[in-house]
Structures are given as C-alpha cells and as structure tokens.
Amino acid sequence: MKIESKKFKTQDLTVTYDPGICKLSGICSKDLSEVFSDSIIPWINLEHTDTDKIIKQIKKCPSGALKFRLKEKATY
C-alpha cells in the first residue's frame, strides 16, 4: 500500500514529505528542531524559522523524502 505525500505550506514555500521513501535518519529534527519535530503533530511547522534555513535543511535529507518549492513571484 502506497502512503501519500504530505504537504506543508506558507505564503512563499511548499514542503512535501514522502513517508514511503523516508529513511528516518532524524537529521531534519536534530538539526532544525524548531521546524521538524519527531514528537509533535503536525511534525513540520514552517512558521518557526526563515525560508532559507528550511531549504538548507531539506537539501540535507539523505533519502529525498523532503522536497521544497518556492512560490514564483509575479513580475510586472
């Protein structure tokens, strides 16, 4: 049975988590516990730090279970 990815959003950032490929290394919660928690639901809270720190941490994910997408800003 496939487990669906979860989405977490702010005004500028969307983070997805795919539990089906997560290796449960805990790097995310050890290094950025104010955003990624292993004991609080929802376990990702994007409001607790700036976007650059979140992106930097997501890039460290060894399994690729965490991904991000920035909202494109309109140009006029």
N, C-alpha and C. Protein backbone atom coordinates (compact mmCIF):
# COMPACT_ATOMS: atom_id res chain seq x y z
N MET A 1 0.83 -1.17 0.00
CA MET A 1 0.00 0.00 0.00
C MET A 1 0.88 1.25 0.00
N LYS A 2 0.63 2.16 -0.92
CA LYS A 2 1.42 3.39 -1.03
C LYS A 2 0.86 4.44 -0.06
N ILE A 3 1.78 5.09 0.65
CA ILE A 3 1.41 6.16 1.56
C ILE A 3 1.57 7.47 0.81
N GLU A 4 0.56 8.32 0.87
CA GLU A 4 0.58 9.58 0.14
C GLU A 4 1.53 10.59 0.77
N SER A 5 2.10 11.43 -0.07
CA SER A 5 2.95 12.52 0.39
C SER A 5 2.12 13.54 1.15
N LYS A 6 2.76 14.21 2.08
CA LYS A 6 2.12 15.27 2.86
C LYS A 6 2.65 16.61 2.38
N LYS A 7 1.80 17.66 2.39
CA LYS A 7 2.20 19.00 2.00
C LYS A 7 2.06 19.94 3.18
N PHE A 8 3.04 20.84 3.29
CA PHE A 8 3.04 21.87 4.32
C PHE A 8 3.35 23.17 3.59
N LYS A 9 2.58 24.24 3.86
CA LYS A 9 2.72 25.46 3.07
C LYS A 9 2.81 26.71 3.93
N THR A 10 3.54 27.68 3.38
CA THR A 10 3.49 29.06 3.85
C THR A 10 3.12 29.90 2.63
N GLN A 11 3.13 31.17 2.78
CA GLN A 11 2.82 32.04 1.65
C GLN A 11 3.83 31.88 0.52
N ASP A 12 5.09 31.63 0.84
CA ASP A 12 6.15 31.57 -0.17
C ASP A 12 6.73 30.18 -0.43
N LEU A 13 6.43 29.21 0.42
CA LEU A 13 7.13 27.92 0.37
C LEU A 13 6.15 26.77 0.53
N THR A 14 6.36 25.72 -0.27
CA THR A 14 5.64 24.46 -0.10
C THR A 14 6.68 23.37 0.14
N VAL A 15 6.49 22.62 1.22
CA VAL A 15 7.36 21.50 1.54
C VAL A 15 6.54 20.23 1.43
N THR A 16 7.09 19.23 0.75
CA THR A 16 6.42 17.93 0.69
C THR A 16 7.29 16.89 1.39
N TYR A 17 6.60 15.95 1.99
CA TYR A 17 7.25 14.85 2.70
C TYR A 17 6.66 13.55 2.20
N ASP A 18 7.52 12.65 1.72
CA ASP A 18 7.08 11.35 1.23
C ASP A 18 7.50 10.28 2.23
N PRO A 19 6.58 9.84 3.09
CA PRO A 19 6.93 8.85 4.11
C PRO A 19 7.32 7.50 3.53
N GLY A 20 6.96 7.24 2.29
CA GLY A 20 7.29 5.97 1.66
C GLY A 20 8.77 5.81 1.34
N ILE A 21 9.51 6.92 1.24
CA ILE A 21 10.94 6.82 0.95
C ILE A 21 11.81 7.34 2.09
N CYS A 22 11.21 7.86 3.13
CA CYS A 22 11.96 8.38 4.27
C CYS A 22 12.76 7.26 4.95
N LYS A 23 14.02 7.53 5.25
CA LYS A 23 14.90 6.56 5.91
C LYS A 23 14.92 6.77 7.43
N LEU A 24 14.16 7.74 7.93
CA LEU A 24 14.06 8.03 9.36
C LEU A 24 15.43 8.28 10.00
N SER A 25 16.28 8.98 9.29
CA SER A 25 17.61 9.28 9.82
C SER A 25 17.54 10.29 10.96
N GLY A 26 16.53 11.13 10.97
CA GLY A 26 16.36 12.11 12.04
C GLY A 26 17.21 13.36 11.87
N ILE A 27 17.91 13.48 10.75
CA ILE A 27 18.75 14.65 10.52
C ILE A 27 17.93 15.93 10.58
N CYS A 28 16.75 15.92 10.00
CA CYS A 28 15.93 17.12 9.96
C CYS A 28 15.56 17.59 11.37
N SER A 29 15.10 16.68 12.22
CA SER A 29 14.68 17.08 13.57
C SER A 29 15.86 17.36 14.50
N LYS A 30 16.99 16.74 14.26
CA LYS A 30 18.18 17.01 15.08
C LYS A 30 18.76 18.39 14.77
N ASP A 31 18.80 18.74 13.49
CA ASP A 31 19.45 19.98 13.08
C ASP A 31 18.53 21.20 13.08
N LEU A 32 17.23 21.00 12.92
CA LEU A 32 16.30 22.13 12.87
C LEU A 32 15.01 21.76 13.59
N SER A 33 15.15 21.52 14.89
CA SER A 33 14.02 21.01 15.68
C SER A 33 12.87 22.00 15.83
N GLU A 34 13.12 23.29 15.60
CA GLU A 34 12.02 24.25 15.69
C GLU A 34 11.06 24.14 14.51
N VAL A 35 11.48 23.45 13.45
CA VAL A 35 10.63 23.23 12.28
C VAL A 35 10.20 21.77 12.17
N PHE A 36 11.15 20.85 12.31
CA PHE A 36 10.90 19.42 12.14
C PHE A 36 10.91 18.75 13.51
N SER A 37 9.79 18.15 13.86
CA SER A 37 9.67 17.51 15.18
C SER A 37 9.42 16.02 15.01
N ASP A 38 9.95 15.24 15.92
CA ASP A 38 9.64 13.80 15.88
C ASP A 38 8.60 13.42 16.93
N SER A 39 8.03 14.44 17.62
CA SER A 39 7.06 14.11 18.66
C SER A 39 5.81 14.99 18.66
N ILE A 40 5.72 15.98 17.80
CA ILE A 40 4.56 16.88 17.76
C ILE A 40 3.88 16.75 16.40
N ILE A 41 2.57 16.75 16.40
CA ILE A 41 1.79 16.70 15.17
C ILE A 41 1.16 18.07 14.96
N PRO A 42 1.21 18.72 13.82
CA PRO A 42 1.94 18.26 12.64
C PRO A 42 3.44 18.35 12.86
N TRP A 43 4.16 17.43 12.33
CA TRP A 43 5.59 17.34 12.66
C TRP A 43 6.45 18.34 11.89
N ILE A 44 5.86 19.01 10.89
CA ILE A 44 6.56 20.10 10.21
C ILE A 44 5.77 21.38 10.44
N ASN A 45 6.44 22.38 11.02
CA ASN A 45 5.82 23.67 11.26
C ASN A 45 6.73 24.74 10.65
N LEU A 46 6.35 25.21 9.49
CA LEU A 46 7.18 26.12 8.71
C LEU A 46 7.20 27.55 9.25
N GLU A 47 6.41 27.83 10.24
CA GLU A 47 6.32 29.19 10.78
C GLU A 47 7.43 29.52 11.77
N HIS A 48 8.23 28.58 12.15
CA HIS A 48 9.18 28.78 13.24
C HIS A 48 10.56 29.28 12.85
N THR A 49 10.85 29.41 11.58
CA THR A 49 12.16 29.92 11.15
C THR A 49 12.06 30.45 9.73
N ASP A 50 13.13 31.02 9.24
CA ASP A 50 13.06 31.62 7.90
C ASP A 50 13.22 30.57 6.80
N THR A 51 12.74 30.92 5.65
CA THR A 51 12.70 30.02 4.50
C THR A 51 14.07 29.49 4.11
N ASP A 52 15.08 30.34 4.15
CA ASP A 52 16.43 29.90 3.76
C ASP A 52 16.96 28.77 4.64
N LYS A 53 16.70 28.84 5.94
CA LYS A 53 17.13 27.77 6.85
C LYS A 53 16.40 26.47 6.55
N ILE A 54 15.12 26.57 6.26
CA ILE A 54 14.32 25.38 5.95
C ILE A 54 14.84 24.71 4.68
N ILE A 55 15.09 25.51 3.65
CA ILE A 55 15.59 24.97 2.38
C ILE A 55 16.96 24.31 2.58
N LYS A 56 17.83 24.96 3.32
CA LYS A 56 19.15 24.41 3.60
C LYS A 56 19.04 23.04 4.28
N GLN A 57 18.11 22.91 5.23
CA GLN A 57 17.93 21.64 5.93
C GLN A 57 17.34 20.58 5.02
N ILE A 58 16.37 20.94 4.20
CA ILE A 58 15.75 19.99 3.27
C ILE A 58 16.80 19.42 2.32
N LYS A 59 17.73 20.24 1.89
CA LYS A 59 18.79 19.77 0.98
C LYS A 59 19.70 18.74 1.63
N LYS A 60 19.69 18.64 2.95
CA LYS A 60 20.50 17.64 3.67
C LYS A 60 19.79 16.30 3.79
N CYS A 61 18.53 16.22 3.42
CA CYS A 61 17.75 14.99 3.57
C CYS A 61 18.39 13.86 2.75
N PRO A 62 18.88 12.80 3.41
CA PRO A 62 19.60 11.75 2.69
C PRO A 62 18.73 10.90 1.76
N SER A 63 17.44 10.81 2.04
CA SER A 63 16.58 9.96 1.23
C SER A 63 15.85 10.71 0.13
N GLY A 64 15.78 12.04 0.24
CA GLY A 64 14.99 12.82 -0.71
C GLY A 64 13.52 12.84 -0.37
N ALA A 65 13.16 12.40 0.82
CA ALA A 65 11.76 12.38 1.23
C ALA A 65 11.20 13.79 1.42
N LEU A 66 12.08 14.73 1.76
CA LEU A 66 11.68 16.13 1.89
C LEU A 66 12.06 16.88 0.62
N LYS A 67 11.11 17.61 0.08
CA LYS A 67 11.34 18.44 -1.10
C LYS A 67 10.68 19.79 -0.86
N PHE A 68 11.10 20.79 -1.62
CA PHE A 68 10.50 22.11 -1.47
C PHE A 68 10.25 22.75 -2.83
N ARG A 69 9.33 23.71 -2.81
CA ARG A 69 9.04 24.51 -3.98
C ARG A 69 8.76 25.93 -3.50
N LEU A 70 9.42 26.89 -4.09
CA LEU A 70 9.18 28.29 -3.77
C LEU A 70 8.10 28.83 -4.69
N LYS A 71 7.26 29.69 -4.14
CA LYS A 71 6.23 30.32 -4.94
C LYS A 71 6.90 31.32 -5.87
N GLU A 72 6.51 31.25 -7.13
CA GLU A 72 7.07 32.19 -8.09
C GLU A 72 6.43 33.55 -7.87
N LYS A 73 7.25 34.55 -7.83
CA LYS A 73 6.76 35.91 -7.62
C LYS A 73 6.44 36.55 -8.97
N ALA A 74 5.31 37.19 -9.04
CA ALA A 74 4.91 37.85 -10.27
C ALA A 74 5.82 39.04 -10.54
N THR A 75 6.16 39.20 -11.79
CA THR A 75 6.94 40.36 -12.18
C THR A 75 6.10 41.21 -13.12
N TYR A 76 6.17 42.49 -12.99
CA TYR A 76 5.35 43.40 -13.80
C TYR A 76 6.22 44.33 -14.58
